[in-house]
Amino acid sequence: MSPTITTTTTSITSTTKQDASQDLPQDIPDLQTYRATTKEDLIPGLRLIADSIAQQRQTAAHALIFHPFWLSAMAALIAIVYKALYTDSSDLPLIGTTSAGCVMAGLLVVRGLTGGYIEEAERVGKGEWLLPSRTNPKERGQGEEQEILVTKFGERIIGVVVLRGVPVPAGEKKVKMTGVIWAWTVERRYRGKGVGAGLLEEAVEMCRQKGWEGPVFDEEHANAKRVLPGLFNGEFERREKWARGVLEGVKNRME
């Protein structure tokens, strides 16, 4: 199948002020979405996916640090330090430095607890699942297909979606293919500008061209890993729900 290419003038660029020179030609890069088949397109797409996983560490750390449980624990620890060290006002500098040390130790604990996202990003970033043979049964299930769509702004890859066709039994000796989205991400600075929705539209269109059901998000998608207990994963669950809602909205619009 020939690559699907969508070209638009982009809303990504800021609206320029109109003045006397508005008739001068302006070079605004095109926004293109197409099927990636070369390393020049696949490698930047792979890096975007790995970066999106690494960015989850910051989200997890923020959720942990500002969770009432963690704040209460740190407050209790500082209170213990104060009670143990304070005899008169001359002890306040010592109490301050000791408390600061406790906070720094707590941040190191947070760093260690959320380090799993960096490890996962490094694993995904190696790219064995993406760059080798597209039919290697060791990399994906028997009979599965994989397509990678990227969005390029000028010469820069800013978005990627990985779509897999997964065979699903549908009765006696019948198998139907379902499109499953394993990865979907956009470079941070371009999020919220319609790039991600455009990628999903192309994924839906590709499923229809191939006669696949769906698409749906894979339960074990690239950003599904959780390294903290469920108590601290509320933000991830909200994002998960939002992403599935966006996909359903795209499918409904294209019906």
Foldseek 3Di string as FASTA:
>chain_A
DAKDKDKDQFPLDDDDDDDPCPPDDDDFFIKIKIWDDDCLQQLLQLLQLLVVLVVVLVVLLVLQCPPPVNVVVLVVVLVVLCVVQDDDPVSVVVSVVVSVVVVVVVSVVSCVLSVVSNVLSVVSSVPPLPPPDQQPCVSDPHPKGKIKMFIDGHSRTFWIWIWMWDWDDDDPPDTATEIEIQDTGGHPSRPPRCPRLVNLLVSVVVCVVVVHHDHAYDCNHSNNDDRDPPVRCPVVVVVVVVVRVSSVVSVVVVD
